[in-house]
Structure formats: C-alpha cells, structure tokens
C-alpha cells in the first residue's frame, strides 16, 4: 500500500487478500475481535521478549570474548581494580 491511500481506500486495492474480506470482518463480534487482538498482542510481546533475550545473550557472549582477549582482565574483575 502507498502512504497516500486513505484508511477507507485499502479494501478495494487489496480485495484479493482474505483478511480484507468484509463479510468475515462483519461476522466477528466486537468481543471476539478484542480477544483476537489481545491474543495477537501477547504473541507479539512473547516474540519480542524472546528476541531481546537472544540479543542480550549474544551481546553478553561477545563481551565475554572481548574480556578474554585481554590478559589482565577477567570476567570477575571489578572496574576499580583494572
């Protein structure tokens, strides 16, 4: 979609996509839409949390490798003694 398409315009431009099926959208109650959105948010937050954990583990491992490359600095060294 182009950014200049207004909010009411996408349905005719993307009619071949099943998610834009107006009959389907009208068949879903407001409560069910809220539940689906809440489930989507939980899944999104779970994926983001997992990605953050993996990113932190990768960065921590890289930092430990950097520390290991220095002879006088250990992982347990305190910065005031370095």
N, C-alpha and C. Protein backbone atom coordinates (compact mmCIF):
# COMPACT_ATOMS: atom_id res chain seq x y z
N UNK A 1 0.83 -1.19 0.00
CA UNK A 1 0.00 0.00 0.00
C UNK A 1 0.87 1.24 0.00
N UNK A 2 0.37 2.24 -0.63
CA UNK A 2 1.09 3.50 -0.64
C UNK A 2 0.61 4.34 0.55
N UNK A 3 1.47 5.22 1.04
CA UNK A 3 1.12 6.02 2.19
C UNK A 3 0.03 7.03 1.88
N UNK A 4 -0.17 7.35 0.61
CA UNK A 4 -1.19 8.34 0.29
C UNK A 4 -2.59 7.73 0.20
N UNK A 5 -2.70 6.42 0.33
CA UNK A 5 -4.02 5.77 0.34
C UNK A 5 -4.64 6.03 1.71
N UNK A 6 -5.85 6.48 1.71
CA UNK A 6 -6.52 6.76 2.97
C UNK A 6 -7.02 5.48 3.60
N UNK A 7 -7.42 5.58 4.84
CA UNK A 7 -7.82 4.41 5.60
C UNK A 7 -9.01 3.69 4.97
N UNK A 8 -9.94 4.39 4.36
CA UNK A 8 -11.12 3.76 3.78
C UNK A 8 -10.84 3.19 2.39
N UNK A 9 -9.73 3.50 1.80
CA UNK A 9 -9.43 3.08 0.45
C UNK A 9 -8.77 1.70 0.31
N UNK A 10 -8.06 1.15 1.30
CA UNK A 10 -7.32 -0.09 1.06
C UNK A 10 -8.15 -1.29 0.64
N UNK A 11 -9.38 -1.41 1.08
CA UNK A 11 -10.16 -2.61 0.79
C UNK A 11 -10.30 -2.85 -0.72
N UNK A 12 -10.67 -1.86 -1.52
CA UNK A 12 -10.74 -2.14 -2.96
C UNK A 12 -9.38 -2.49 -3.57
N UNK A 13 -8.31 -1.93 -3.05
CA UNK A 13 -6.98 -2.17 -3.61
C UNK A 13 -6.41 -3.53 -3.20
N UNK A 14 -6.89 -4.07 -2.10
CA UNK A 14 -6.36 -5.34 -1.61
C UNK A 14 -7.47 -6.38 -1.49
N UNK A 15 -8.44 -6.33 -2.36
CA UNK A 15 -9.60 -7.23 -2.27
C UNK A 15 -9.20 -8.69 -2.41
N UNK A 16 -8.07 -9.00 -3.05
CA UNK A 16 -7.68 -10.40 -3.23
C UNK A 16 -7.17 -11.04 -1.94
N UNK A 17 -6.89 -10.26 -0.92
CA UNK A 17 -6.41 -10.80 0.35
C UNK A 17 -7.60 -11.18 1.22
N UNK A 18 -7.58 -12.37 1.80
CA UNK A 18 -8.71 -12.84 2.60
C UNK A 18 -8.90 -12.03 3.87
N UNK A 19 -7.85 -11.41 4.38
CA UNK A 19 -8.00 -10.65 5.61
C UNK A 19 -8.84 -9.39 5.41
N UNK A 20 -9.03 -8.99 4.18
CA UNK A 20 -9.85 -7.81 3.90
C UNK A 20 -11.28 -8.19 3.53
N UNK A 21 -11.62 -9.44 3.69
CA UNK A 21 -12.97 -9.90 3.37
C UNK A 21 -13.95 -9.25 4.33
N UNK A 22 -14.76 -8.36 3.81
CA UNK A 22 -15.67 -7.57 4.64
C UNK A 22 -16.70 -8.46 5.32
N UNK A 23 -17.19 -9.48 4.64
CA UNK A 23 -18.17 -10.38 5.24
C UNK A 23 -17.57 -11.06 6.48
N UNK A 24 -16.30 -11.44 6.40
CA UNK A 24 -15.64 -12.06 7.55
C UNK A 24 -15.51 -11.06 8.70
N UNK A 25 -15.14 -9.83 8.40
CA UNK A 25 -14.97 -8.82 9.44
C UNK A 25 -16.29 -8.51 10.13
N UNK A 26 -17.39 -8.51 9.39
CA UNK A 26 -18.69 -8.22 9.98
C UNK A 26 -19.20 -9.40 10.80
N UNK A 27 -18.78 -10.60 10.46
CA UNK A 27 -19.24 -11.79 11.17
C UNK A 27 -18.61 -11.93 12.55
N UNK A 28 -17.48 -11.29 12.78
CA UNK A 28 -16.78 -11.39 14.05
C UNK A 28 -17.33 -10.34 15.01
N UNK A 29 -17.73 -10.78 16.19
CA UNK A 29 -18.28 -9.84 17.17
C UNK A 29 -17.18 -8.96 17.75
N UNK A 30 -17.58 -7.87 18.37
CA UNK A 30 -16.62 -6.94 18.95
C UNK A 30 -15.81 -7.62 20.05
N UNK A 31 -16.46 -8.45 20.86
CA UNK A 31 -15.76 -9.16 21.93
C UNK A 31 -14.71 -10.10 21.36
N UNK A 32 -15.09 -10.82 20.30
CA UNK A 32 -14.14 -11.74 19.69
C UNK A 32 -12.97 -10.99 19.05
N UNK A 33 -13.25 -9.84 18.45
CA UNK A 33 -12.16 -9.02 17.88
C UNK A 33 -11.20 -8.58 18.97
N UNK A 34 -11.76 -8.18 20.13
CA UNK A 34 -10.91 -7.77 21.25
C UNK A 34 -10.05 -8.93 21.74
N UNK A 35 -10.66 -10.12 21.81
CA UNK A 35 -9.91 -11.29 22.24
C UNK A 35 -8.81 -11.65 21.25
N UNK A 36 -9.13 -11.57 19.96
CA UNK A 36 -8.13 -11.85 18.94
C UNK A 36 -6.99 -10.84 19.01
N UNK A 37 -7.32 -9.58 19.23
CA UNK A 37 -6.28 -8.55 19.33
C UNK A 37 -5.42 -8.79 20.57
N UNK A 38 -6.05 -9.13 21.70
CA UNK A 38 -5.30 -9.40 22.92
C UNK A 38 -4.35 -10.59 22.72
N UNK A 39 -4.85 -11.63 22.04
CA UNK A 39 -4.00 -12.79 21.76
C UNK A 39 -2.84 -12.39 20.85
N UNK A 40 -3.13 -11.57 19.86
CA UNK A 40 -2.07 -11.08 18.96
C UNK A 40 -1.02 -10.30 19.74
N UNK A 41 -1.45 -9.43 20.65
CA UNK A 41 -0.50 -8.63 21.45
C UNK A 41 0.36 -9.54 22.33
N UNK A 42 -0.26 -10.56 22.94
CA UNK A 42 0.51 -11.49 23.79
C UNK A 42 1.56 -12.21 22.96
N UNK A 43 1.17 -12.68 21.79
CA UNK A 43 2.12 -13.38 20.92
C UNK A 43 3.25 -12.45 20.48
N UNK A 44 2.89 -11.22 20.14
CA UNK A 44 3.90 -10.24 19.72
C UNK A 44 4.87 -9.94 20.85
N UNK A 45 4.33 -9.71 22.04
CA UNK A 45 5.19 -9.43 23.19
C UNK A 45 6.09 -10.62 23.52
N UNK A 46 5.55 -11.83 23.37
CA UNK A 46 6.35 -13.04 23.62
C UNK A 46 7.51 -13.13 22.63
N UNK A 47 7.22 -12.87 21.34
CA UNK A 47 8.28 -12.91 20.33
C UNK A 47 9.33 -11.83 20.59
N UNK A 48 8.88 -10.62 20.96
CA UNK A 48 9.81 -9.53 21.23
C UNK A 48 10.68 -9.86 22.45
N UNK A 49 10.08 -10.44 23.48
CA UNK A 49 10.83 -10.81 24.68
C UNK A 49 11.89 -11.86 24.36
N UNK A 50 11.51 -12.84 23.55
CA UNK A 50 12.46 -13.89 23.16
C UNK A 50 13.60 -13.31 22.31
N UNK A 51 13.26 -12.42 21.39
CA UNK A 51 14.29 -11.78 20.56
C UNK A 51 15.23 -10.95 21.43
N UNK A 52 14.68 -10.27 22.41
CA UNK A 52 15.50 -9.46 23.32
C UNK A 52 16.44 -10.35 24.13
N UNK A 53 15.92 -11.50 24.59
CA UNK A 53 16.75 -12.43 25.36
C UNK A 53 17.90 -12.97 24.51
N UNK A 54 17.60 -13.34 23.28
CA UNK A 54 18.64 -13.85 22.37
C UNK A 54 19.67 -12.78 22.07
N UNK A 55 19.20 -11.55 21.83
CA UNK A 55 20.11 -10.44 21.54
C UNK A 55 21.02 -10.16 22.73
N UNK A 56 20.45 -10.20 23.94
CA UNK A 56 21.26 -9.97 25.14
C UNK A 56 22.30 -11.08 25.33
N UNK A 57 21.89 -12.33 25.11
CA UNK A 57 22.82 -13.45 25.25
C UNK A 57 23.96 -13.33 24.26
N UNK A 58 23.65 -12.92 23.03
CA UNK A 58 24.68 -12.75 22.00
C UNK A 58 25.65 -11.64 22.39
N UNK A 59 25.10 -10.53 22.85
CA UNK A 59 25.96 -9.41 23.25
C UNK A 59 26.81 -9.75 24.47
N UNK A 60 26.23 -10.50 25.41
CA UNK A 60 26.98 -10.90 26.60
C UNK A 60 28.14 -11.82 26.21
N UNK A 61 27.87 -12.76 25.32
CA UNK A 61 28.93 -13.67 24.86
C UNK A 61 30.03 -12.91 24.14
N UNK A 62 29.66 -11.93 23.32
CA UNK A 62 30.66 -11.13 22.61
C UNK A 62 31.49 -10.32 23.60
N UNK A 63 30.86 -9.79 24.65
CA UNK A 63 31.58 -9.02 25.65
C UNK A 63 32.55 -9.92 26.43
N UNK A 64 32.11 -11.13 26.75
CA UNK A 64 32.99 -12.05 27.46
C UNK A 64 34.19 -12.43 26.60
N UNK A 65 33.97 -12.60 25.30
CA UNK A 65 35.09 -12.88 24.39
C UNK A 65 36.07 -11.71 24.36
N UNK A 66 35.53 -10.50 24.35
CA UNK A 66 36.38 -9.30 24.36
C UNK A 66 37.21 -9.25 25.64
N UNK A 67 36.56 -9.53 26.77
CA UNK A 67 37.30 -9.54 28.04
C UNK A 67 38.37 -10.63 28.05
N UNK A 68 38.05 -11.76 27.47
CA UNK A 68 39.01 -12.87 27.44
C UNK A 68 40.23 -12.53 26.59
N UNK A 69 40.05 -11.63 25.63
CA UNK A 69 41.18 -11.28 24.76
C UNK A 69 42.22 -10.42 25.50
N UNK A 70 41.84 -9.79 26.61
CA UNK A 70 42.78 -9.02 27.41
C UNK A 70 43.40 -9.92 28.47
N UNK A 71 44.71 -9.81 28.64
CA UNK A 71 45.41 -10.72 29.55
C UNK A 71 45.10 -10.44 31.02
N UNK A 72 45.11 -9.17 31.44
CA UNK A 72 44.98 -8.85 32.87
C UNK A 72 43.55 -8.68 33.35
N UNK A 73 42.58 -8.80 32.47
CA UNK A 73 41.18 -8.58 32.87
C UNK A 73 40.43 -9.91 32.78
N UNK A 74 39.72 -10.22 33.87
CA UNK A 74 38.89 -11.42 33.91
C UNK A 74 37.43 -11.00 33.95
N UNK A 75 36.55 -11.93 33.75
CA UNK A 75 35.10 -11.64 33.81
C UNK A 75 34.72 -11.16 35.19
N UNK A 76 35.37 -11.69 36.19
CA UNK A 76 35.03 -11.33 37.59
C UNK A 76 35.76 -10.09 38.08
N UNK A 77 36.58 -9.45 37.26
CA UNK A 77 37.33 -8.27 37.67
C UNK A 77 36.39 -7.09 37.93
N UNK A 78 36.74 -6.31 38.93
CA UNK A 78 35.97 -5.12 39.26
C UNK A 78 36.61 -3.94 38.54
N UNK A 79 35.83 -3.00 38.03
CA UNK A 79 36.39 -1.93 37.21
C UNK A 79 37.33 -1.02 37.97
N UNK A 80 37.16 -0.90 39.27
CA UNK A 80 38.06 0.00 40.01
C UNK A 80 39.46 -0.59 40.18
N UNK A 81 39.59 -1.90 40.01
CA UNK A 81 40.91 -2.54 40.13
C UNK A 81 41.60 -2.75 38.79
N UNK A 82 40.94 -2.45 37.71
CA UNK A 82 41.50 -2.70 36.40
C UNK A 82 42.44 -1.65 36.01
